[in-house]
Amino acid sequence: MIFNEDDLLPLSALQHLLFCERQCALIHIEQLWEENRYTAEGRIMHERVDSGRSESRGDVRLVFSLPLRSLRLGLVGKADVVEFHREEDSESTSSSKSCLWRPFPVEHKRGRPKKAAWDEVQLCAQAICLEEMLTLSVRREHSFTGKHVAAWMLFLTINYGT
């Protein structure tokens, strides 16, 4: 099934729905939002990634606030950051070496990593959108938390049909 543009679910709604169905309905259906200390900290932390700019660091290109969608799954949203890493194209049939830019979505969250998989579901959905849009496999993604410098990495283990 292919979804119409008007029927797409925001990627952020996946995390909100898993965390609290009522919160999801208030934000995405009723359009109600009340900022508090924690949401303000998250908003401030996101100012850099919401810039929409890009930069290069050697064999890595960073794109901030990249629009994403999957018409197959009915999802739309933005990735905080997508890192594109230059790799040799092992599937290339030409005799000359070619390269491809492998995408790795990066999600920024305030606070500590959650015990439940709410954030991972949102991040995996971003990876699936990238795979559909770019027809490339996404092998891993990152999530960074604002209070803790340490980052954790989630390796994709899902397999879905096309």
N, C-alpha and C. Protein backbone atom coordinates (compact mmCIF):
# COMPACT_ATOMS: atom_id res chain seq x y z
N MET A 1 0.84 -1.18 0.00
CA MET A 1 0.00 0.00 0.00
C MET A 1 0.89 1.24 0.00
N ILE A 2 0.55 2.20 -0.82
CA ILE A 2 1.25 3.47 -0.88
C ILE A 2 0.32 4.53 -0.29
N PHE A 3 0.84 5.31 0.67
CA PHE A 3 0.06 6.34 1.35
C PHE A 3 0.10 7.64 0.56
N ASN A 4 -0.96 8.43 0.69
CA ASN A 4 -1.00 9.79 0.13
C ASN A 4 -0.23 10.72 1.05
N GLU A 5 0.31 11.80 0.49
CA GLU A 5 1.06 12.78 1.27
C GLU A 5 0.25 13.29 2.47
N ASP A 6 -1.06 13.49 2.29
CA ASP A 6 -1.90 14.04 3.36
C ASP A 6 -2.14 13.07 4.51
N ASP A 7 -1.84 11.80 4.31
CA ASP A 7 -2.12 10.78 5.33
C ASP A 7 -0.88 10.32 6.08
N LEU A 8 0.24 11.00 5.92
CA LEU A 8 1.49 10.54 6.53
C LEU A 8 1.54 10.88 8.02
N LEU A 9 2.06 9.95 8.80
CA LEU A 9 2.22 10.09 10.24
C LEU A 9 3.59 10.69 10.54
N PRO A 10 3.67 11.71 11.40
CA PRO A 10 4.99 12.26 11.76
C PRO A 10 5.86 11.22 12.46
N LEU A 11 7.13 11.17 12.08
CA LEU A 11 8.08 10.25 12.73
C LEU A 11 8.11 10.45 14.23
N SER A 12 8.04 11.68 14.69
CA SER A 12 8.09 11.95 16.13
C SER A 12 6.88 11.36 16.85
N ALA A 13 5.77 11.17 16.13
CA ALA A 13 4.58 10.60 16.76
C ALA A 13 4.81 9.15 17.18
N LEU A 14 5.71 8.44 16.51
CA LEU A 14 6.01 7.07 16.91
C LEU A 14 6.54 7.02 18.33
N GLN A 15 7.51 7.89 18.62
CA GLN A 15 8.09 7.96 19.97
C GLN A 15 7.04 8.41 20.97
N HIS A 16 6.25 9.42 20.61
CA HIS A 16 5.22 9.92 21.52
C HIS A 16 4.16 8.85 21.80
N LEU A 17 3.76 8.11 20.77
CA LEU A 17 2.74 7.08 20.93
C LEU A 17 3.21 5.96 21.86
N LEU A 18 4.45 5.53 21.69
CA LEU A 18 4.97 4.47 22.55
C LEU A 18 5.17 4.93 23.98
N PHE A 19 5.56 6.19 24.16
CA PHE A 19 5.77 6.73 25.50
C PHE A 19 4.43 6.92 26.21
N CYS A 20 3.47 7.56 25.54
CA CYS A 20 2.18 7.85 26.17
C CYS A 20 1.16 8.16 25.07
N GLU A 21 0.14 7.32 24.92
CA GLU A 21 -0.86 7.52 23.88
C GLU A 21 -1.58 8.85 24.03
N ARG A 22 -1.85 9.24 25.29
CA ARG A 22 -2.53 10.52 25.54
C ARG A 22 -1.65 11.69 25.10
N GLN A 23 -0.36 11.64 25.44
CA GLN A 23 0.56 12.69 25.02
C GLN A 23 0.58 12.79 23.50
N CYS A 24 0.62 11.68 22.84
CA CYS A 24 0.64 11.65 21.36
C CYS A 24 -0.60 12.33 20.80
N ALA A 25 -1.76 11.99 21.34
CA ALA A 25 -3.01 12.59 20.85
C ALA A 25 -3.04 14.09 21.11
N LEU A 26 -2.59 14.53 22.30
CA LEU A 26 -2.58 15.96 22.61
C LEU A 26 -1.69 16.73 21.65
N ILE A 27 -0.51 16.17 21.36
CA ILE A 27 0.45 16.87 20.50
C ILE A 27 0.05 16.81 19.03
N HIS A 28 -0.30 15.61 18.55
CA HIS A 28 -0.46 15.42 17.10
C HIS A 28 -1.90 15.53 16.60
N ILE A 29 -2.88 15.36 17.47
CA ILE A 29 -4.27 15.50 17.03
C ILE A 29 -4.85 16.83 17.51
N GLU A 30 -4.73 17.09 18.82
CA GLU A 30 -5.27 18.32 19.40
C GLU A 30 -4.37 19.52 19.17
N GLN A 31 -3.10 19.28 18.77
CA GLN A 31 -2.13 20.36 18.54
C GLN A 31 -1.89 21.19 19.80
N LEU A 32 -1.89 20.51 20.96
CA LEU A 32 -1.64 21.18 22.24
C LEU A 32 -0.22 20.89 22.69
N TRP A 33 0.48 21.94 23.10
CA TRP A 33 1.86 21.79 23.56
C TRP A 33 2.11 22.81 24.65
N GLU A 34 2.64 22.37 25.76
CA GLU A 34 3.00 23.29 26.83
C GLU A 34 4.46 23.02 27.18
N GLU A 35 5.27 24.05 27.01
CA GLU A 35 6.69 23.88 27.27
C GLU A 35 6.97 23.91 28.77
N ASN A 36 7.91 23.05 29.18
CA ASN A 36 8.37 23.04 30.56
C ASN A 36 9.90 23.06 30.54
N ARG A 37 10.50 22.92 31.68
CA ARG A 37 11.97 22.98 31.78
C ARG A 37 12.64 21.96 30.86
N TYR A 38 12.11 20.74 30.84
CA TYR A 38 12.73 19.66 30.08
C TYR A 38 12.57 19.85 28.57
N THR A 39 11.38 20.27 28.17
CA THR A 39 11.18 20.49 26.74
C THR A 39 11.97 21.72 26.27
N ALA A 40 12.10 22.73 27.14
CA ALA A 40 12.90 23.91 26.80
C ALA A 40 14.38 23.53 26.63
N GLU A 41 14.89 22.67 27.52
CA GLU A 41 16.27 22.20 27.40
C GLU A 41 16.46 21.44 26.09
N GLY A 42 15.50 20.61 25.74
CA GLY A 42 15.57 19.87 24.48
C GLY A 42 15.52 20.78 23.28
N ARG A 43 14.67 21.81 23.33
CA ARG A 43 14.57 22.78 22.23
C ARG A 43 15.89 23.52 22.04
N ILE A 44 16.49 23.95 23.14
CA ILE A 44 17.78 24.66 23.06
C ILE A 44 18.86 23.74 22.50
N MET A 45 18.87 22.48 22.96
CA MET A 45 19.85 21.52 22.47
C MET A 45 19.70 21.28 20.97
N HIS A 46 18.47 21.36 20.46
CA HIS A 46 18.19 21.09 19.05
C HIS A 46 18.47 22.29 18.13
N GLU A 47 18.76 23.46 18.68
CA GLU A 47 18.93 24.63 17.82
C GLU A 47 19.99 24.41 16.75
N ARG A 48 21.09 23.76 17.09
CA ARG A 48 22.15 23.51 16.10
C ARG A 48 21.68 22.54 15.03
N VAL A 49 21.04 21.44 15.45
CA VAL A 49 20.65 20.44 14.47
C VAL A 49 19.45 20.88 13.64
N ASP A 50 18.68 21.85 14.11
CA ASP A 50 17.54 22.33 13.36
C ASP A 50 17.91 23.40 12.34
N SER A 51 19.20 23.66 12.17
CA SER A 51 19.66 24.74 11.29
C SER A 51 19.43 24.45 9.81
N GLY A 52 19.36 23.16 9.41
CA GLY A 52 19.19 22.82 8.01
C GLY A 52 20.46 22.94 7.19
N ARG A 53 21.58 23.19 7.83
CA ARG A 53 22.84 23.35 7.10
C ARG A 53 23.53 22.00 6.92
N SER A 54 24.68 22.04 6.27
CA SER A 54 25.49 20.82 6.12
C SER A 54 26.95 21.20 6.25
N GLU A 55 27.77 20.20 6.53
CA GLU A 55 29.22 20.42 6.64
C GLU A 55 29.93 19.12 6.32
N SER A 56 31.20 19.24 5.95
CA SER A 56 32.01 18.07 5.64
C SER A 56 33.17 17.98 6.61
N ARG A 57 33.48 16.74 6.97
CA ARG A 57 34.63 16.43 7.83
C ARG A 57 35.34 15.22 7.24
N GLY A 58 36.24 15.47 6.31
CA GLY A 58 36.95 14.37 5.66
C GLY A 58 36.00 13.52 4.84
N ASP A 59 35.92 12.23 5.16
CA ASP A 59 35.05 11.30 4.44
C ASP A 59 33.65 11.22 5.04
N VAL A 60 33.27 12.23 5.83
CA VAL A 60 31.94 12.27 6.43
C VAL A 60 31.29 13.60 6.09
N ARG A 61 30.08 13.53 5.58
CA ARG A 61 29.28 14.74 5.30
C ARG A 61 28.09 14.72 6.23
N LEU A 62 27.88 15.81 6.97
CA LEU A 62 26.77 15.92 7.91
C LEU A 62 25.70 16.82 7.32
N VAL A 63 24.47 16.34 7.33
CA VAL A 63 23.33 17.12 6.87
C VAL A 63 22.38 17.24 8.05
N PHE A 64 22.05 18.48 8.43
CA PHE A 64 21.21 18.74 9.58
C PHE A 64 19.76 18.95 9.15
N SER A 65 18.83 18.44 9.95
CA SER A 65 17.39 18.63 9.73
C SER A 65 16.97 18.16 8.34
N LEU A 66 17.37 16.95 7.99
CA LEU A 66 17.09 16.40 6.66
C LEU A 66 15.65 15.86 6.59
N PRO A 67 14.84 16.36 5.64
CA PRO A 67 13.47 15.86 5.49
C PRO A 67 13.48 14.38 5.08
N LEU A 68 12.58 13.61 5.68
CA LEU A 68 12.46 12.18 5.40
C LEU A 68 11.01 11.83 5.15
N ARG A 69 10.80 10.74 4.37
CA ARG A 69 9.44 10.21 4.23
C ARG A 69 9.50 8.80 3.69
N SER A 70 8.45 8.07 3.99
CA SER A 70 8.24 6.75 3.42
C SER A 70 6.78 6.67 3.02
N LEU A 71 6.52 6.66 1.73
CA LEU A 71 5.14 6.52 1.26
C LEU A 71 4.66 5.09 1.46
N ARG A 72 5.59 4.14 1.52
CA ARG A 72 5.22 2.75 1.74
C ARG A 72 4.73 2.51 3.16
N LEU A 73 5.38 3.17 4.15
CA LEU A 73 4.99 3.00 5.55
C LEU A 73 4.11 4.15 6.06
N GLY A 74 3.96 5.20 5.28
CA GLY A 74 3.12 6.32 5.68
C GLY A 74 3.76 7.20 6.73
N LEU A 75 5.05 7.48 6.60
CA LEU A 75 5.79 8.27 7.59
C LEU A 75 6.42 9.50 6.96
N VAL A 76 6.52 10.58 7.74
CA VAL A 76 7.17 11.80 7.28
C VAL A 76 7.80 12.49 8.49
N GLY A 77 8.88 13.20 8.27
CA GLY A 77 9.51 13.93 9.36
C GLY A 77 10.88 14.42 8.95
N LYS A 78 11.70 14.69 9.97
CA LYS A 78 13.07 15.16 9.74
C LYS A 78 14.01 14.38 10.63
N ALA A 79 15.17 14.08 10.09
CA ALA A 79 16.25 13.51 10.92
C ALA A 79 17.03 14.68 11.49
N ASP A 80 17.38 14.60 12.78
CA ASP A 80 18.19 15.66 13.38
C ASP A 80 19.46 15.86 12.55
N VAL A 81 20.17 14.78 12.33
CA VAL A 81 21.40 14.79 11.53
C VAL A 81 21.46 13.47 10.77
N VAL A 82 21.94 13.54 9.54
CA VAL A 82 22.30 12.32 8.82
C VAL A 82 23.76 12.47 8.44
N GLU A 83 24.57 11.52 8.90
CA GLU A 83 25.97 11.47 8.51
C GLU A 83 26.06 10.60 7.27
N PHE A 84 26.70 11.10 6.24
CA PHE A 84 26.95 10.31 5.03
C PHE A 84 28.44 9.99 5.03
N HIS A 85 28.76 8.69 5.14
CA HIS A 85 30.15 8.23 5.18
C HIS A 85 30.53 7.71 3.79
N ARG A 86 31.68 8.17 3.30
CA ARG A 86 32.17 7.70 2.00
C ARG A 86 32.69 6.27 2.15
N GLU A 87 32.22 5.39 1.27
CA GLU A 87 32.64 3.98 1.26
C GLU A 87 32.94 3.57 -0.17
N GLU A 88 33.83 2.61 -0.30
CA GLU A 88 34.01 2.00 -1.62
C GLU A 88 32.77 1.19 -1.94
N ASP A 89 32.32 1.28 -3.16
CA ASP A 89 31.13 0.56 -3.59
C ASP A 89 31.50 -0.88 -3.94
N SER A 90 31.25 -1.78 -3.02
CA SER A 90 31.61 -3.19 -3.23
C SER A 90 30.71 -3.87 -4.25
N GLU A 91 29.55 -3.27 -4.54
CA GLU A 91 28.61 -3.86 -5.49
C GLU A 91 28.81 -3.33 -6.90
N SER A 92 29.76 -2.43 -7.08
CA SER A 92 30.00 -1.85 -8.40
C SER A 92 30.55 -2.91 -9.35
N THR A 93 30.03 -2.92 -10.56
CA THR A 93 30.48 -3.90 -11.55
C THR A 93 31.54 -3.32 -12.48
N SER A 94 31.82 -2.01 -12.34
CA SER A 94 32.82 -1.41 -13.22
C SER A 94 34.23 -1.74 -12.71
N SER A 95 35.19 -1.68 -13.62
CA SER A 95 36.57 -2.00 -13.24
C SER A 95 37.19 -0.88 -12.42
N SER A 96 36.72 0.35 -12.60
CA SER A 96 37.26 1.45 -11.81
C SER A 96 36.54 1.50 -10.45
N LYS A 97 37.28 1.88 -9.44
CA LYS A 97 36.69 1.94 -8.10
C LYS A 97 35.75 3.13 -8.00
N SER A 98 34.57 2.86 -7.51
CA SER A 98 33.62 3.95 -7.28
C SER A 98 33.29 3.98 -5.79
N CYS A 99 32.70 5.08 -5.38
CA CYS A 99 32.34 5.18 -3.97
C CYS A 99 30.87 5.52 -3.85
N LEU A 100 30.34 5.28 -2.68
CA LEU A 100 28.98 5.68 -2.37
C LEU A 100 29.01 6.35 -1.00
N TRP A 101 27.96 7.08 -0.71
CA TRP A 101 27.84 7.78 0.57
C TRP A 101 26.78 7.06 1.40
N ARG A 102 27.22 6.29 2.39
CA ARG A 102 26.32 5.49 3.24
C ARG A 102 25.72 6.38 4.33
N PRO A 103 24.37 6.43 4.42
CA PRO A 103 23.73 7.30 5.43
C PRO A 103 23.65 6.64 6.81
N PHE A 104 23.84 7.45 7.84
CA PHE A 104 23.68 7.04 9.24
C PHE A 104 22.87 8.12 9.95
N PRO A 105 21.59 7.86 10.26
CA PRO A 105 20.82 8.88 10.97
C PRO A 105 21.31 9.04 12.41
N VAL A 106 21.28 10.26 12.89
CA VAL A 106 21.70 10.59 14.25
C VAL A 106 20.56 11.35 14.91
N GLU A 107 20.12 10.88 16.06
CA GLU A 107 19.03 11.52 16.79
C GLU A 107 19.57 12.12 18.08
N HIS A 108 19.22 13.36 18.35
CA HIS A 108 19.63 14.02 19.58
C HIS A 108 18.46 14.03 20.56
N LYS A 109 18.70 13.58 21.78
CA LYS A 109 17.67 13.53 22.81
C LYS A 109 18.21 14.17 24.09
N ARG A 110 17.34 14.79 24.83
CA ARG A 110 17.68 15.37 26.13
C ARG A 110 17.66 14.26 27.18
N GLY A 111 18.59 14.30 28.11
CA GLY A 111 18.58 13.36 29.22
C GLY A 111 19.35 12.09 28.94
N ARG A 112 19.07 11.10 29.75
CA ARG A 112 19.75 9.80 29.64
C ARG A 112 19.05 8.91 28.62
N PRO A 113 19.77 7.92 28.09
CA PRO A 113 19.10 6.95 27.21
C PRO A 113 17.97 6.26 27.99
N LYS A 114 16.84 6.06 27.34
CA LYS A 114 15.66 5.46 27.97
C LYS A 114 15.82 3.95 28.08
N LYS A 115 15.17 3.39 29.09
CA LYS A 115 15.18 1.93 29.26
C LYS A 115 14.29 1.26 28.22
N ALA A 116 13.18 1.91 27.88
CA ALA A 116 12.28 1.37 26.86
C ALA A 116 12.78 1.78 25.48
N ALA A 117 12.23 1.17 24.45
CA ALA A 117 12.73 1.35 23.07
C ALA A 117 12.05 2.49 22.32
N TRP A 118 11.47 3.47 23.02
CA TRP A 118 10.74 4.54 22.34
C TRP A 118 11.62 5.27 21.34
N ASP A 119 12.80 5.67 21.75
CA ASP A 119 13.68 6.43 20.86
C ASP A 119 14.23 5.57 19.73
N GLU A 120 14.50 4.30 20.03
CA GLU A 120 15.03 3.41 19.00
C GLU A 120 14.03 3.19 17.88
N VAL A 121 12.74 3.13 18.21
CA VAL A 121 11.71 2.95 17.19
C VAL A 121 11.72 4.15 16.24
N GLN A 122 11.79 5.35 16.78
CA GLN A 122 11.84 6.55 15.95
C GLN A 122 13.09 6.54 15.07
N LEU A 123 14.21 6.15 15.64
CA LEU A 123 15.47 6.13 14.90
C LEU A 123 15.46 5.06 13.81
N CYS A 124 14.92 3.90 14.11
CA CYS A 124 14.81 2.85 13.09
C CYS A 124 13.88 3.29 11.95
N ALA A 125 12.80 3.99 12.29
CA ALA A 125 11.90 4.49 11.25
C ALA A 125 12.62 5.49 10.35
N GLN A 126 13.49 6.32 10.94
CA GLN A 126 14.28 7.24 10.12
C GLN A 126 15.18 6.47 9.17
N ALA A 127 15.79 5.40 9.67
CA ALA A 127 16.66 4.58 8.83
C ALA A 127 15.87 3.95 7.69
N ILE A 128 14.68 3.47 7.98
CA ILE A 128 13.84 2.86 6.94
C ILE A 128 13.46 3.90 5.89
N CYS A 129 13.12 5.11 6.32
CA CYS A 129 12.82 6.19 5.36
C CYS A 129 14.02 6.45 4.46
N LEU A 130 15.21 6.54 5.05
CA LEU A 130 16.42 6.77 4.25
C LEU A 130 16.64 5.64 3.26
N GLU A 131 16.44 4.40 3.70
CA GLU A 131 16.62 3.27 2.78
C GLU A 131 15.67 3.35 1.61
N GLU A 132 14.41 3.70 1.87
CA GLU A 132 13.44 3.81 0.79
C GLU A 132 13.77 4.97 -0.14
N MET A 133 14.16 6.10 0.44
CA MET A 133 14.43 7.29 -0.37
C MET A 133 15.70 7.14 -1.21
N LEU A 134 16.73 6.51 -0.66
CA LEU A 134 18.04 6.46 -1.32
C LEU A 134 18.36 5.11 -1.95
N THR A 135 17.51 4.13 -1.74
CA THR A 135 17.74 2.74 -2.18
C THR A 135 19.13 2.25 -1.78
N LEU A 136 19.50 2.56 -0.55
CA LEU A 136 20.75 2.10 0.06
C LEU A 136 20.43 1.52 1.43
N SER A 137 21.18 0.55 1.86
CA SER A 137 20.95 0.02 3.20
C SER A 137 21.60 0.93 4.24
N VAL A 138 20.92 1.07 5.36
CA VAL A 138 21.44 1.81 6.51
C VAL A 138 21.85 0.76 7.53
N ARG A 139 23.13 0.74 7.87
CA ARG A 139 23.64 -0.33 8.71
C ARG A 139 23.61 -0.02 10.19
N ARG A 140 23.59 1.23 10.55
CA ARG A 140 23.53 1.59 11.97
C ARG A 140 23.07 3.03 12.10
N GLU A 141 22.68 3.38 13.29
CA GLU A 141 22.34 4.76 13.56
C GLU A 141 22.80 5.11 14.97
N HIS A 142 22.83 6.39 15.26
CA HIS A 142 23.33 6.86 16.55
C HIS A 142 22.25 7.66 17.26
N SER A 143 22.33 7.69 18.57
CA SER A 143 21.51 8.59 19.36
C SER A 143 22.41 9.23 20.40
N PHE A 144 22.38 10.55 20.49
CA PHE A 144 23.18 11.27 21.45
C PHE A 144 22.25 11.90 22.47
N THR A 145 22.66 11.87 23.73
CA THR A 145 21.86 12.50 24.77
C THR A 145 22.55 13.77 25.23
N GLY A 146 21.75 14.76 25.57
CA GLY A 146 22.27 16.08 25.89
C GLY A 146 23.04 16.16 27.20
N LYS A 147 22.63 15.45 28.24
CA LYS A 147 23.29 15.57 29.53
C LYS A 147 24.55 14.72 29.61
N HIS A 148 24.62 13.69 28.84
CA HIS A 148 25.73 12.75 28.93
C HIS A 148 26.52 12.79 27.63
N VAL A 149 27.82 12.98 27.76
CA VAL A 149 28.67 13.08 26.58
C VAL A 149 28.74 11.76 25.85
N ALA A 150 28.63 10.67 26.58
CA ALA A 150 28.72 9.35 25.96
C ALA A 150 27.56 9.15 24.98
N ALA A 151 27.83 8.48 23.91
CA ALA A 151 26.81 8.16 22.92
C ALA A 151 26.64 6.66 22.86
N TRP A 152 25.48 6.24 22.50
CA TRP A 152 25.27 4.81 22.30
C TRP A 152 24.88 4.58 20.86
N MET A 153 25.22 3.42 20.39
CA MET A 153 24.99 3.09 19.00
C MET A 153 24.06 1.89 18.93
N LEU A 154 23.14 1.96 18.03
CA LEU A 154 22.17 0.89 17.83
C LEU A 154 22.40 0.29 16.44
N PHE A 155 22.65 -0.98 16.40
CA PHE A 155 22.82 -1.65 15.10
C PHE A 155 21.48 -2.18 14.64
N LEU A 156 21.18 -1.92 13.41
CA LEU A 156 19.90 -2.39 12.86
C LEU A 156 19.89 -3.91 12.78
N THR A 157 18.84 -4.47 13.29
CA THR A 157 18.68 -5.92 13.18
C THR A 157 17.35 -6.27 12.53
N ILE A 158 16.65 -5.25 12.01
CA ILE A 158 15.37 -5.53 11.41
C ILE A 158 15.55 -5.91 9.95
N ASN A 159 14.65 -6.71 9.48
CA ASN A 159 14.64 -7.10 8.08
C ASN A 159 13.21 -7.01 7.61
N TYR A 160 12.95 -6.23 6.60
CA TYR A 160 11.59 -6.05 6.12
C TYR A 160 11.56 -6.22 4.62
N GLY A 161 10.42 -6.59 4.11
CA GLY A 161 10.26 -6.79 2.67
C GLY A 161 10.03 -5.48 1.95
N THR A 162 10.38 -5.45 0.68
CA THR A 162 10.16 -4.23 -0.10
C THR A 162 9.00 -4.41 -1.03
